[in-house]
Amino acid sequence: MSAETTRRLVLLRHAKAEWSDGDDHERPLAERGRKDAPAAGRWIAGTGINPDLALCSTAVRTRETWKLAVHELPQRPRTVYEERVYEASLGELIAVINEVPEEVNDLLLIGHNPGMHGLADALAGEAEGDLLARLNRSGFPTAAVAVLAFTGSWKAVELGAGKLVNFWTPHE
């Protein structure tokens, strides 16, 4: 692959989850989440992006979001359930992205806030139109999707290296 390869990173925050006094990792989707997750999948499919790889947090709500969203895509990408995405810091998320194989052009990352919002904001060195303002105004709600474009290697993804090219929320 050329160093000029354009890559896209699709960030999907899990859909709305039930609140619980129990284990946070085991929280399932709420009814609204079960409706919003397929809508997010339909939106991703409508962009024409067919992810080569999906990295999904191991939390129940992210796995359920992915299970509902993936059925809306034209083809199912290889999926890896990555425990490091759960409760990951910005640096940890970038480290996970930096390990993505070079044959992957389009990566889908299914995770949590504040990580998804922080990652989109930190990687977006530039943005189309008012997307960055919209992203920061909305706070990256549940089932929201951000798409960032990069040129070069996944190993070179760092703060400010991408361009925010799309942002969607289910309740705009």
C-alpha atoms as a PDB file:
ATOM      1  CA  MET A   1       0.000   0.000   0.000  1.00  0.00           C
ATOM      2  CA  SER A   2       1.123   3.473  -0.792  1.00  0.00           C
ATOM      3  CA  ALA A   3       1.917   5.935   1.964  1.00  0.00           C
ATOM      4  CA  GLU A   4      -0.771   8.064   0.293  1.00  0.00           C
ATOM      5  CA  THR A   5      -3.535   5.517   0.945  1.00  0.00           C
ATOM      6  CA  THR A   6      -6.688   7.215   2.185  1.00  0.00           C
ATOM      7  CA  ARG A   7      -8.170   5.529   5.219  1.00  0.00           C
ATOM      8  CA  ARG A   8     -11.392   6.137   7.080  1.00  0.00           C
ATOM      9  CA  LEU A   9     -12.064   5.681  10.762  1.00  0.00           C
ATOM     10  CA  VAL A  10     -15.725   5.334  11.691  1.00  0.00           C
ATOM     11  CA  LEU A  11     -16.453   5.924  15.378  1.00  0.00           C
ATOM     12  CA  LEU A  12     -19.738   4.533  16.692  1.00  0.00           C
ATOM     13  CA  ARG A  13     -20.765   5.190  20.270  1.00  0.00           C
ATOM     14  CA  HIS A  14     -22.910   2.438  21.771  1.00  0.00           C
ATOM     15  CA  ALA A  15     -26.658   3.053  21.720  1.00  0.00           C
ATOM     16  CA  LYS A  16     -28.671   4.057  24.803  1.00  0.00           C
ATOM     17  CA  ALA A  17     -28.190   1.577  27.652  1.00  0.00           C
ATOM     18  CA  GLU A  18     -30.214   0.709  30.734  1.00  0.00           C
ATOM     19  CA  TRP A  19     -29.036   2.197  34.001  1.00  0.00           C
ATOM     20  CA  SER A  20     -28.008  -0.252  36.669  1.00  0.00           C
ATOM     21  CA  ASP A  21     -26.491  -0.287  40.122  1.00  0.00           C
ATOM     22  CA  GLY A  22     -24.672  -3.454  39.083  1.00  0.00           C
ATOM     23  CA  ASP A  23     -21.630  -4.073  36.929  1.00  0.00           C
ATOM     24  CA  ASP A  24     -21.257  -1.276  34.315  1.00  0.00           C
ATOM     25  CA  HIS A  25     -19.669  -3.687  31.826  1.00  0.00           C
ATOM     26  CA  GLU A  26     -22.827  -5.830  31.812  1.00  0.00           C
ATOM     27  CA  ARG A  27     -25.410  -3.077  31.167  1.00  0.00           C
ATOM     28  CA  PRO A  28     -27.734  -4.003  28.238  1.00  0.00           C
ATOM     29  CA  LEU A  29     -29.314  -1.663  25.710  1.00  0.00           C
ATOM     30  CA  ALA A  30     -32.493   0.188  26.600  1.00  0.00           C
ATOM     31  CA  GLU A  31     -35.513   0.076  24.283  1.00  0.00           C
ATOM     32  CA  ARG A  32     -34.442   3.344  22.644  1.00  0.00           C
ATOM     33  CA  GLY A  33     -30.975   1.884  22.102  1.00  0.00           C
ATOM     34  CA  ARG A  34     -32.443  -1.158  20.345  1.00  0.00           C
ATOM     35  CA  LYS A  35     -34.149   1.255  17.913  1.00  0.00           C
ATOM     36  CA  ASP A  36     -31.191   3.623  17.430  1.00  0.00           C
ATOM     37  CA  ALA A  37     -28.501   0.972  16.799  1.00  0.00           C
ATOM     38  CA  PRO A  38     -30.016  -0.267  13.497  1.00  0.00           C
ATOM     39  CA  ALA A  39     -30.530   3.371  12.443  1.00  0.00           C
ATOM     40  CA  ALA A  40     -26.809   3.972  12.966  1.00  0.00           C
ATOM     41  CA  GLY A  41     -26.038   0.902  10.846  1.00  0.00           C
ATOM     42  CA  ARG A  42     -28.335   2.168   8.087  1.00  0.00           C
ATOM     43  CA  TRP A  43     -26.634   5.555   8.178  1.00  0.00           C
ATOM     44  CA  ILE A  44     -23.162   3.973   7.903  1.00  0.00           C
ATOM     45  CA  ALA A  45     -24.370   1.812   4.985  1.00  0.00           C
ATOM     46  CA  GLY A  46     -25.785   4.936   3.324  1.00  0.00           C
ATOM     47  CA  THR A  47     -22.357   6.593   3.343  1.00  0.00           C
ATOM     48  CA  GLY A  48     -21.011   3.832   1.102  1.00  0.00           C
ATOM     49  CA  ILE A  49     -18.357   2.914   3.664  1.00  0.00           C
ATOM     50  CA  ASN A  50     -17.848  -0.841   3.956  1.00  0.00           C
ATOM     51  CA  PRO A  51     -15.525  -1.329   6.928  1.00  0.00           C
ATOM     52  CA  ASP A  52     -12.797  -3.917   6.499  1.00  0.00           C
ATOM     53  CA  LEU A  53     -12.512  -4.391  10.259  1.00  0.00           C
ATOM     54  CA  ALA A  54     -14.697  -3.627  13.273  1.00  0.00           C
ATOM     55  CA  LEU A  55     -13.123  -3.288  16.709  1.00  0.00           C
ATOM     56  CA  CYS A  56     -15.792  -3.480  19.388  1.00  0.00           C
ATOM     57  CA  SER A  57     -15.558  -2.980  23.139  1.00  0.00           C
ATOM     58  CA  THR A  58     -16.385  -6.106  25.112  1.00  0.00           C
ATOM     59  CA  ALA A  59     -19.127  -4.359  27.139  1.00  0.00           C
ATOM     60  CA  VAL A  60     -22.628  -5.816  26.675  1.00  0.00           C
ATOM     61  CA  ARG A  61     -24.077  -2.523  25.366  1.00  0.00           C
ATOM     62  CA  THR A  62     -21.413  -2.151  22.655  1.00  0.00           C
ATOM     63  CA  ARG A  63     -21.738  -5.774  21.559  1.00  0.00           C
ATOM     64  CA  GLU A  64     -25.542  -5.414  21.376  1.00  0.00           C
ATOM     65  CA  THR A  65     -25.188  -2.139  19.434  1.00  0.00           C
ATOM     66  CA  TRP A  66     -22.866  -3.808  16.945  1.00  0.00           C
ATOM     67  CA  LYS A  67     -25.105  -6.886  16.596  1.00  0.00           C
ATOM     68  CA  LEU A  68     -28.053  -4.645  15.640  1.00  0.00           C
ATOM     69  CA  ALA A  69     -26.071  -2.207  13.468  1.00  0.00           C
ATOM     70  CA  VAL A  70     -24.090  -4.763  11.450  1.00  0.00           C
ATOM     71  CA  HIS A  71     -27.253  -6.313   9.986  1.00  0.00           C
ATOM     72  CA  GLU A  72     -27.829  -3.026   8.149  1.00  0.00           C
ATOM     73  CA  LEU A  73     -24.451  -3.099   6.378  1.00  0.00           C
ATOM     74  CA  PRO A  74     -24.091  -4.591   2.894  1.00  0.00           C
ATOM     75  CA  GLN A  75     -21.374  -6.947   4.150  1.00  0.00           C
ATOM     76  CA  ARG A  76     -20.203  -7.974   7.599  1.00  0.00           C
ATOM     77  CA  PRO A  77     -16.619  -6.936   8.313  1.00  0.00           C
ATOM     78  CA  ARG A  78     -14.202  -9.032  10.311  1.00  0.00           C
ATOM     79  CA  THR A  79     -15.022  -8.244  13.942  1.00  0.00           C
ATOM     80  CA  VAL A  80     -12.651  -8.263  16.905  1.00  0.00           C
ATOM     81  CA  TYR A  81     -13.977  -7.764  20.429  1.00  0.00           C
ATOM     82  CA  GLU A  82     -11.257  -5.658  22.019  1.00  0.00           C
ATOM     83  CA  GLU A  83     -11.299  -5.356  25.804  1.00  0.00           C
ATOM     84  CA  ARG A  84      -8.888  -2.402  25.697  1.00  0.00           C
ATOM     85  CA  VAL A  85     -11.639  -0.219  24.129  1.00  0.00           C
ATOM     86  CA  TYR A  86     -13.762  -0.433  27.303  1.00  0.00           C
ATOM     87  CA  GLU A  87     -12.930   2.523  29.591  1.00  0.00           C
ATOM     88  CA  ALA A  88      -9.982   3.418  27.332  1.00  0.00           C
ATOM     89  CA  SER A  89      -8.141   6.702  27.590  1.00  0.00           C
ATOM     90  CA  LEU A  90      -7.424   8.761  24.488  1.00  0.00           C
ATOM     91  CA  GLY A  91      -3.871   7.402  24.379  1.00  0.00           C
ATOM     92  CA  GLU A  92      -5.074   3.815  24.695  1.00  0.00           C
ATOM     93  CA  LEU A  93      -7.570   4.275  21.838  1.00  0.00           C
ATOM     94  CA  ILE A  94      -4.877   5.742  19.588  1.00  0.00           C
ATOM     95  CA  ALA A  95      -2.571   2.826  20.492  1.00  0.00           C
ATOM     96  CA  VAL A  96      -5.305   0.345  19.448  1.00  0.00           C
ATOM     97  CA  ILE A  97      -5.739   2.200  16.125  1.00  0.00           C
ATOM     98  CA  ASN A  98      -1.972   2.273  15.553  1.00  0.00           C
ATOM     99  CA  GLU A  99      -1.970  -1.562  15.688  1.00  0.00           C
ATOM    100  CA  VAL A 100      -4.523  -1.971  12.872  1.00  0.00           C
ATOM    101  CA  PRO A 101      -3.103  -3.998   9.948  1.00  0.00           C
ATOM    102  CA  GLU A 102      -2.140  -1.937   6.907  1.00  0.00           C
ATOM    103  CA  GLU A 103      -4.448  -3.907   4.584  1.00  0.00           C
ATOM    104  CA  VAL A 104      -7.423  -2.327   6.426  1.00  0.00           C
ATOM    105  CA  ASN A 105      -8.602   0.824   4.653  1.00  0.00           C
ATOM    106  CA  ASP A 106     -11.837   1.457   6.567  1.00  0.00           C
ATOM    107  CA  LEU A 107     -11.966   0.781  10.312  1.00  0.00           C
ATOM    108  CA  LEU A 108     -15.077   0.863  12.497  1.00  0.00           C
ATOM    109  CA  LEU A 109     -14.538   1.361  16.230  1.00  0.00           C
ATOM    110  CA  ILE A 110     -17.507   0.745  18.547  1.00  0.00           C
ATOM    111  CA  GLY A 111     -16.953   2.232  21.977  1.00  0.00           C
ATOM    112  CA  HIS A 112     -17.954   4.579  24.768  1.00  0.00           C
ATOM    113  CA  ASN A 113     -17.857   8.170  25.871  1.00  0.00           C
ATOM    114  CA  PRO A 114     -15.867  10.095  26.819  1.00  0.00           C
ATOM    115  CA  GLY A 115     -13.513   8.116  24.562  1.00  0.00           C
ATOM    116  CA  MET A 116     -15.407   8.391  21.257  1.00  0.00           C
ATOM    117  CA  HIS A 117     -15.976  12.136  21.622  1.00  0.00           C
ATOM    118  CA  GLY A 118     -12.441  12.783  22.810  1.00  0.00           C
ATOM    119  CA  LEU A 119     -10.957  10.690  20.019  1.00  0.00           C
ATOM    120  CA  ALA A 120     -12.991  12.391  17.272  1.00  0.00           C
ATOM    121  CA  ASP A 121     -12.158  15.830  18.628  1.00  0.00           C
ATOM    122  CA  ALA A 122      -8.446  15.089  19.138  1.00  0.00           C
ATOM    123  CA  LEU A 123      -7.861  13.434  15.758  1.00  0.00           C
ATOM    124  CA  ALA A 124      -9.738  16.080  13.758  1.00  0.00           C
ATOM    125  CA  GLY A 125      -7.010  18.493  12.723  1.00  0.00           C
ATOM    126  CA  GLU A 126      -9.576  19.887  10.315  1.00  0.00           C
ATOM    127  CA  ALA A 127     -13.244  19.374   9.542  1.00  0.00           C
ATOM    128  CA  GLU A 128     -15.692  19.894   6.727  1.00  0.00           C
ATOM    129  CA  GLY A 129     -18.086  22.802   7.273  1.00  0.00           C
ATOM    130  CA  ASP A 130     -19.431  23.083  10.815  1.00  0.00           C
ATOM    131  CA  LEU A 131     -18.946  19.403  11.697  1.00  0.00           C
ATOM    132  CA  LEU A 132     -16.484  20.004  14.519  1.00  0.00           C
ATOM    133  CA  ALA A 133     -18.745  22.648  16.076  1.00  0.00           C
ATOM    134  CA  ARG A 134     -21.722  20.238  15.777  1.00  0.00           C
ATOM    135  CA  LEU A 135     -19.691  17.418  17.322  1.00  0.00           C
ATOM    136  CA  ASN A 136     -18.667  19.560  20.280  1.00  0.00           C
ATOM    137  CA  ARG A 137     -22.126  21.058  20.718  1.00  0.00           C
ATOM    138  CA  SER A 138     -23.787  17.624  20.771  1.00  0.00           C
ATOM    139  CA  GLY A 139     -21.229  15.935  23.039  1.00  0.00           C
ATOM    140  CA  PHE A 140     -21.334  12.747  20.890  1.00  0.00           C
ATOM    141  CA  PRO A 141     -24.647  11.251  22.083  1.00  0.00           C
ATOM    142  CA  THR A 142     -25.472   7.544  22.199  1.00  0.00           C
ATOM    143  CA  ALA A 143     -25.562   5.845  18.763  1.00  0.00           C
ATOM    144  CA  ALA A 144     -23.771   8.819  17.174  1.00  0.00           C
ATOM    145  CA  VAL A 145     -21.303   8.202  14.351  1.00  0.00           C
ATOM    146  CA  ALA A 146     -18.255  10.245  13.315  1.00  0.00           C
ATOM    147  CA  VAL A 147     -16.176   9.588  10.201  1.00  0.00           C
ATOM    148  CA  LEU A 148     -12.568  10.764   9.981  1.00  0.00           C
ATOM    149  CA  ALA A 149     -10.330  10.502   6.914  1.00  0.00           C
ATOM    150  CA  PHE A 150      -6.560  10.000   7.073  1.00  0.00           C
ATOM    151  CA  THR A 151      -3.757   9.673   4.558  1.00  0.00           C
ATOM    152  CA  GLY A 152      -1.009   7.181   5.218  1.00  0.00           C
ATOM    153  CA  SER A 153      -0.480   4.397   7.703  1.00  0.00           C
ATOM    154  CA  TRP A 154      -2.556   3.489  10.760  1.00  0.00           C
ATOM    155  CA  LYS A 155       0.747   3.637  12.646  1.00  0.00           C
ATOM    156  CA  ALA A 156       0.900   7.370  11.810  1.00  0.00           C
ATOM    157  CA  VAL A 157      -2.531   8.224  13.250  1.00  0.00           C
ATOM    158  CA  GLU A 158      -1.960  10.836  15.934  1.00  0.00           C
ATOM    159  CA  LEU A 159      -3.522  13.983  17.368  1.00  0.00           C
ATOM    160  CA  GLY A 160      -4.701  16.304  14.597  1.00  0.00           C
ATOM    161  CA  ALA A 161      -3.865  13.843  11.804  1.00  0.00           C
ATOM    162  CA  GLY A 162      -7.394  13.412  10.438  1.00  0.00           C
ATOM    163  CA  LYS A 163     -10.202  15.324   8.838  1.00  0.00           C
ATOM    164  CA  LEU A 164     -13.719  15.024  10.258  1.00  0.00           C
ATOM    165  CA  VAL A 165     -15.764  14.351   7.121  1.00  0.00           C
ATOM    166  CA  ASN A 166     -19.119  13.307   8.571  1.00  0.00           C
ATOM    167  CA  PHE A 167     -21.035  13.303  11.839  1.00  0.00           C
ATOM    168  CA  TRP A 168     -24.496  11.865  12.503  1.00  0.00           C
ATOM    169  CA  THR A 169     -26.738  11.502  15.531  1.00  0.00           C
ATOM    170  CA  PRO A 170     -30.015   9.563  15.630  1.00  0.00           C
ATOM    171  CA  HIS A 171     -32.049  12.401  17.154  1.00  0.00           C
ATOM    172  CA  GLU A 172     -30.969  15.515  15.237  1.00  0.00           C
END
